[in-house]
Amino acid sequence: MRRAGLPLRGGGRRAPPGRAEREHGHDRRGGRDSSVAARPTPGEGTQTPTAPDRTPEPSASSTAPASPYASPAPSAPRTTAIPSQSAGSTAATPSQPSSPAPATGVLRHTASGGRTVALTFDDGPGPATGQVLDLLAQYGAKATFCEIGDNAKARPAAVQRILAEGHRLCDHTVDHPQPMHTRPHEQQVAEIADAKSMIENAAGNSPTITWWRAPGGDFTAENERIGADLGMKSLGWTVDPRDWSRPGVQAIVSNVQQNLRPGGVVLMHDGGGDRSQTVAALKQLLPWLVAQGYAFDFPQS
């Protein structure tokens, strides 16, 4: 369905950056998870902002995940048809500035404020999504799931369960391109718009998708406007325990406990690889949050 003011997705699917066999690709090789995952920049406040790239699967002999800061080789971009220009107008160039204008409206606070927390989970749905939902239900907690379009398409039942249990959805692009701000404008449009359609189709019943989250937190004025044109606001975070890197359960727990402030937004992951540490950390964090008097909220909208 054509969206007013936005071009339709065109062309074929592009090959993802980096090697074909990776932790977060859509292929299943050697029994690995098929989901695509974010490699987020550290959060604000006590976190140092950076914009890392997608991380490949660590080798079997590796004891720690590979660095997320290695740039992948350039890949063929997703493309979408560009609307014809009116007579006398100048066609837009897809090239990006080296220093893009920063986004100004990224949300990093709960809707209600006070002693509340917004839990957000990126890169799913994945094999761990059901475990996360079970834990949230046990404590009456609500959360926001920022989903990869390809993963939502592959796991529609998980998307539908998320909504049925009172949680909310967020657009996290089709296949997590990084760094996003370097991609041509039409590719950024396709990544955001197509993911929204894929998540909506997986969920059924035309769910409201209030937010979108840039891969790696790579928000710019340009992609912020693309999201806004699709009716979505840019969703950031204030606490990033870097659970995707599997630093250890206690490291994840301690990071959240030390950096969370009332009204904060916590970033974790339910997809994109082995999330057993995230699930184990959540088992400790949920009762701790309740004991600290936190109520579970959604982000600003």
Protein backbone atom coordinates (compact mmCIF):
# COMPACT_ATOMS: atom_id res chain seq x y z
CA MET A 1 0.00 0.00 0.00
CA ARG A 2 1.41 3.34 -0.97
CA ARG A 3 1.94 5.80 1.85
CA ALA A 4 1.22 9.46 1.29
CA GLY A 5 4.39 11.45 0.79
CA LEU A 6 6.63 8.33 0.88
CA PRO A 7 7.94 6.25 -2.01
CA LEU A 8 7.23 2.56 -2.35
CA ARG A 9 9.99 0.09 -1.65
CA GLY A 10 11.57 -0.94 -4.92
CA GLY A 11 14.19 -3.30 -6.16
CA GLY A 12 15.22 -6.59 -4.70
CA ARG A 13 16.56 -7.46 -1.29
CA ARG A 14 20.15 -6.40 -0.75
CA ALA A 15 22.83 -8.61 0.56
CA PRO A 16 23.61 -7.74 4.21
CA PRO A 17 26.99 -6.20 5.05
CA GLY A 18 29.83 -8.36 6.21
CA ARG A 19 30.16 -12.09 5.88
CA ALA A 20 27.15 -14.25 5.06
CA GLU A 21 27.48 -16.43 8.11
CA ARG A 22 27.06 -14.14 11.09
CA GLU A 23 25.38 -14.21 14.41
CA HIS A 24 22.67 -11.79 13.47
CA GLY A 25 21.97 -12.65 9.84
CA HIS A 26 18.75 -14.15 8.54
CA ASP A 27 20.43 -17.42 7.52
CA ARG A 28 20.38 -20.50 9.72
CA ARG A 29 23.83 -22.06 9.61
CA GLY A 30 25.17 -24.40 12.22
CA GLY A 31 22.02 -23.94 14.31
CA ARG A 32 22.58 -20.26 14.94
CA ASP A 33 19.80 -17.82 15.64
CA SER A 34 18.34 -16.34 12.48
CA SER A 35 17.52 -12.96 13.97
CA VAL A 36 19.25 -9.69 13.13
CA ALA A 37 20.57 -7.64 16.02
CA ALA A 38 21.45 -4.12 16.94
CA ARG A 39 24.81 -3.01 18.12
CA PRO A 40 23.66 0.04 20.06
CA THR A 41 25.70 3.01 21.09
CA PRO A 42 26.11 3.29 24.83
CA GLY A 43 23.32 5.27 26.50
CA GLU A 44 23.37 8.78 27.81
CA GLY A 45 24.44 10.22 31.13
CA THR A 46 27.03 7.81 32.47
CA GLN A 47 27.35 6.17 29.08
CA THR A 48 29.71 7.44 26.38
CA PRO A 49 27.86 7.87 23.05
CA THR A 50 29.35 6.17 20.02
CA ALA A 51 27.89 4.62 16.90
CA PRO A 52 29.29 1.10 16.51
CA ASP A 53 28.63 -1.16 13.59
CA ARG A 54 27.08 -4.59 13.38
CA THR A 55 29.09 -7.32 15.11
CA PRO A 56 29.71 -10.75 13.57
CA GLU A 57 29.38 -14.00 15.49
CA PRO A 58 32.38 -14.76 17.71
CA SER A 59 34.23 -17.89 16.65
CA ALA A 60 33.83 -21.05 18.67
CA SER A 61 37.30 -20.52 20.15
CA SER A 62 36.59 -16.93 21.16
CA THR A 63 35.90 -16.18 24.80
CA ALA A 64 34.27 -12.80 24.19
CA PRO A 65 32.20 -11.22 21.40
CA ALA A 66 34.08 -9.44 18.66
CA SER A 67 34.28 -5.67 18.85
CA PRO A 68 31.15 -3.87 17.57
CA TYR A 69 33.27 -1.02 16.31
CA ALA A 70 34.75 -2.66 13.21
CA SER A 71 33.10 -1.23 10.12
CA PRO A 72 31.61 -3.81 7.73
CA ALA A 73 32.42 -3.74 4.04
CA PRO A 74 30.04 -1.58 1.97
CA SER A 75 27.05 -3.47 0.67
CA ALA A 76 24.42 -2.98 -1.98
CA PRO A 77 21.81 -0.64 -0.46
CA ARG A 78 18.12 -1.27 -0.09
CA THR A 79 16.42 0.89 -2.66
CA THR A 80 13.03 2.40 -3.10
CA ALA A 81 11.42 4.25 -5.97
CA ILE A 82 11.84 8.02 -5.84
CA PRO A 83 8.77 10.10 -6.70
CA SER A 84 9.03 11.92 -9.99
CA GLN A 85 10.06 15.54 -9.67
CA SER A 86 7.82 18.29 -10.91
CA ALA A 87 8.94 20.32 -13.89
CA GLY A 88 11.69 22.74 -13.03
CA SER A 89 12.54 21.07 -9.72
CA THR A 90 15.93 19.67 -8.83
CA ALA A 91 16.20 15.96 -8.12
CA ALA A 92 17.42 15.13 -4.60
CA THR A 93 20.83 13.56 -4.36
CA PRO A 94 21.14 10.38 -2.30
CA SER A 95 24.57 11.30 -0.95
CA GLN A 96 24.87 12.04 2.75
CA PRO A 97 26.84 14.79 4.49
CA SER A 98 29.90 13.64 6.42
CA SER A 99 28.56 15.38 9.53
CA PRO A 100 24.77 15.03 9.46
CA ALA A 101 22.57 17.38 11.42
CA PRO A 102 21.71 15.79 14.78
CA ALA A 103 18.19 14.79 15.72
CA THR A 104 16.54 17.11 18.21
CA GLY A 105 13.50 15.16 19.39
CA VAL A 106 14.81 11.79 20.57
CA LEU A 107 12.70 10.56 23.49
CA ARG A 108 14.51 9.33 26.59
CA HIS A 109 11.92 9.41 29.34
CA THR A 110 8.87 7.52 30.51
CA ALA A 111 5.40 8.79 29.71
CA SER A 112 4.34 9.28 33.33
CA GLY A 113 7.57 10.39 34.98
CA GLY A 114 8.07 9.95 38.68
CA ARG A 115 9.40 6.65 39.95
CA THR A 116 8.74 4.77 36.72
CA VAL A 117 10.88 2.82 34.29
CA ALA A 118 10.40 1.92 30.63
CA LEU A 119 11.89 -1.45 29.69
CA THR A 120 12.71 -1.78 25.98
CA PHE A 121 13.91 -4.85 24.09
CA ASP A 122 15.64 -4.67 20.71
CA ASP A 123 16.33 -6.94 17.75
CA GLY A 124 13.57 -9.49 18.19
CA PRO A 125 11.47 -11.28 18.07
CA GLY A 126 13.89 -14.12 18.67
CA PRO A 127 14.11 -17.41 20.54
CA ALA A 128 14.35 -15.61 23.90
CA THR A 129 11.25 -13.45 23.38
CA GLY A 130 8.92 -15.99 24.95
CA GLN A 131 11.09 -16.24 28.09
CA VAL A 132 11.17 -12.45 28.38
CA LEU A 133 7.37 -12.29 28.05
CA ASP A 134 6.94 -14.99 30.69
CA LEU A 135 9.04 -13.00 33.17
CA LEU A 136 7.28 -9.74 32.42
CA ALA A 137 3.92 -11.41 33.00
CA GLN A 138 5.11 -12.81 36.33
CA TYR A 139 5.75 -9.29 37.63
CA GLY A 140 2.94 -7.48 35.83
CA ALA A 141 5.52 -5.49 33.88
CA LYS A 142 4.89 -3.86 30.52
CA ALA A 143 7.61 -3.26 27.96
CA THR A 144 8.26 -1.95 24.46
CA PHE A 145 9.70 -4.28 21.81
CA CYS A 146 11.76 -2.63 19.06
CA GLU A 147 11.59 -5.18 16.28
CA ILE A 148 13.62 -5.97 13.21
CA GLY A 149 11.26 -6.23 10.23
CA ASP A 150 12.78 -9.48 8.96
CA ASN A 151 12.42 -11.06 12.40
CA ALA A 152 8.82 -9.93 12.81
CA LYS A 153 7.99 -11.47 9.45
CA ALA A 154 9.65 -14.74 10.50
CA ARG A 155 7.92 -14.88 13.93
CA PRO A 156 4.41 -13.43 13.63
CA ALA A 157 3.09 -15.46 16.57
CA ALA A 158 5.60 -13.76 18.88
CA VAL A 159 4.57 -10.33 17.60
CA GLN A 160 0.94 -11.15 18.21
CA ARG A 161 1.66 -12.41 21.72
CA ILE A 162 3.52 -9.20 22.56
CA LEU A 163 0.44 -7.17 21.71
CA ALA A 164 -2.01 -9.60 23.30
CA GLU A 165 -0.19 -9.28 26.63
CA GLY A 166 -0.38 -5.51 26.65
CA HIS A 167 3.09 -4.56 25.45
CA ARG A 168 3.87 -2.17 22.62
CA LEU A 169 5.81 -2.28 19.37
CA CYS A 170 8.60 -0.15 17.97
CA ASP A 171 10.14 -0.11 14.47
CA HIS A 172 13.85 -1.03 14.44
CA THR A 173 14.36 -1.11 10.62
CA VAL A 174 14.22 -4.05 8.23
CA ASP A 175 17.69 -5.49 8.74
CA HIS A 176 19.63 -3.10 10.94
CA PRO A 177 21.96 -1.17 8.57
CA GLN A 178 24.96 0.50 10.19
CA PRO A 179 26.01 3.21 10.23
CA MET A 180 22.58 4.34 9.13
CA HIS A 181 23.39 8.01 8.54
CA THR A 182 25.82 7.08 5.74
CA ARG A 183 23.15 5.31 3.71
CA PRO A 184 21.38 7.06 0.82
CA HIS A 185 18.16 8.81 1.73
CA GLU A 186 15.99 6.41 -0.25
CA GLN A 187 17.55 3.44 1.54
CA GLN A 188 16.83 4.98 4.94
CA VAL A 189 13.23 5.54 3.87
CA ALA A 190 12.91 1.92 2.77
CA GLU A 191 14.48 0.56 5.97
CA ILE A 192 12.08 2.46 8.22
CA ALA A 193 8.90 2.33 6.10
CA ASP A 194 9.24 -1.30 5.07
CA ALA A 195 9.95 -2.44 8.62
CA LYS A 196 6.81 -0.69 9.83
CA SER A 197 4.75 -2.51 7.21
CA MET A 198 6.36 -5.86 8.02
CA ILE A 199 5.69 -5.48 11.75
CA GLU A 200 2.10 -4.39 11.11
CA ASN A 201 1.52 -7.35 8.79
CA ALA A 202 2.97 -9.78 11.33
CA ALA A 203 0.84 -8.35 14.12
CA GLY A 204 -2.41 -8.07 12.19
CA ASN A 205 -5.28 -5.76 13.09
CA SER A 206 -3.30 -2.63 12.17
CA PRO A 207 -1.47 -2.07 15.48
CA THR A 208 -0.28 1.39 16.40
CA ILE A 209 3.50 1.68 16.16
CA THR A 210 4.35 4.83 18.05
CA TRP A 211 8.16 4.78 17.94
CA TRP A 212 11.12 3.84 15.80
CA ARG A 213 14.69 3.30 17.00
CA ALA A 214 17.74 3.84 14.80
CA PRO A 215 20.30 1.03 14.63
CA GLY A 216 23.04 1.85 17.11
CA GLY A 217 21.12 4.94 18.20
CA ASP A 218 22.31 6.64 14.99
CA PHE A 219 19.62 9.32 14.94
CA THR A 220 19.96 12.33 12.63
CA ALA A 221 17.65 15.15 11.66
CA GLU A 222 17.14 13.35 8.35
CA ASN A 223 16.03 9.97 9.65
CA GLU A 224 14.12 11.59 12.50
CA ARG A 225 12.04 13.33 9.84
CA ILE A 226 11.52 10.08 7.93
CA GLY A 227 10.14 8.45 11.08
CA ALA A 228 7.96 11.47 11.82
CA ASP A 229 6.51 11.38 8.31
CA LEU A 230 5.46 7.80 9.06
CA GLY A 231 3.81 8.85 12.32
CA MET A 232 6.58 7.61 14.62
CA LYS A 233 8.78 9.32 17.18
CA SER A 234 12.47 8.58 17.74
CA LEU A 235 13.06 6.42 20.81
CA GLY A 236 16.38 6.54 22.62
CA TRP A 237 17.39 5.29 26.06
CA THR A 238 19.17 6.33 29.25
CA VAL A 239 20.59 3.00 30.45
CA ASP A 240 22.53 0.60 28.23
CA PRO A 241 23.93 -2.44 30.07
CA ARG A 242 25.41 -3.73 26.78
CA ASP A 243 23.73 -7.08 27.30
CA TRP A 244 24.21 -7.90 23.60
CA SER A 245 27.95 -8.29 24.31
CA ARG A 246 27.27 -10.93 26.99
CA PRO A 247 29.41 -9.25 29.68
CA GLY A 248 28.07 -11.56 32.39
CA VAL A 249 24.76 -11.60 34.24
CA GLN A 250 26.01 -9.61 37.22
CA ALA A 251 27.56 -6.96 34.97
CA ILE A 252 24.18 -6.43 33.31
CA VAL A 253 22.35 -6.29 36.62
CA SER A 254 24.87 -3.92 38.24
CA ASN A 255 24.86 -1.57 35.25
CA VAL A 256 21.09 -1.12 35.41
CA GLN A 257 21.02 -0.79 39.21
CA GLN A 258 23.77 1.83 39.22
CA ASN A 259 22.61 3.94 36.27
CA LEU A 260 18.82 3.86 36.41
CA ARG A 261 17.08 7.04 37.55
CA PRO A 262 13.33 7.60 37.91
CA GLY A 263 11.74 8.06 34.50
CA GLY A 264 14.56 6.21 32.76
CA VAL A 265 14.46 4.04 29.64
CA VAL A 266 16.43 0.77 29.80
CA LEU A 267 17.79 -0.86 26.64
CA MET A 268 18.08 -4.65 26.49
CA HIS A 269 17.77 -7.30 23.77
CA ASP A 270 15.45 -10.25 23.15
CA GLY A 271 16.85 -11.14 19.71
CA GLY A 272 20.02 -11.27 17.68
CA GLY A 273 21.87 -14.11 19.33
CA ASP A 274 22.32 -15.87 22.64
CA ARG A 275 20.21 -13.90 25.14
CA SER A 276 20.50 -16.29 28.08
CA GLN A 277 22.41 -13.68 30.10
CA THR A 278 19.70 -11.10 29.44
CA VAL A 279 16.99 -13.50 30.61
CA ALA A 280 18.98 -14.40 33.74
CA ALA A 281 19.61 -10.72 34.49
CA LEU A 282 15.93 -9.91 34.02
CA LYS A 283 15.08 -12.54 36.64
CA GLN A 284 17.04 -10.44 39.13
CA LEU A 285 16.14 -6.99 37.87
CA LEU A 286 12.37 -7.34 37.86
CA PRO A 287 12.02 -8.14 41.59
CA TRP A 288 14.65 -5.50 42.37
CA LEU A 289 12.69 -2.85 40.47
CA VAL A 290 9.52 -3.80 42.33
CA ALA A 291 11.34 -3.67 45.67
CA GLN A 292 12.72 -0.22 44.78
CA GLY A 293 9.19 1.05 44.22
CA TYR A 294 9.40 1.42 40.43
CA ALA A 295 6.25 1.19 38.34
CA PHE A 296 6.51 -0.06 34.78
CA ASP A 297 5.66 2.47 32.12
CA PHE A 298 5.94 3.05 28.39
CA PRO A 299 8.19 5.71 26.86
CA GLN A 300 6.97 9.19 26.03
CA SER A 301 4.79 9.33 22.96
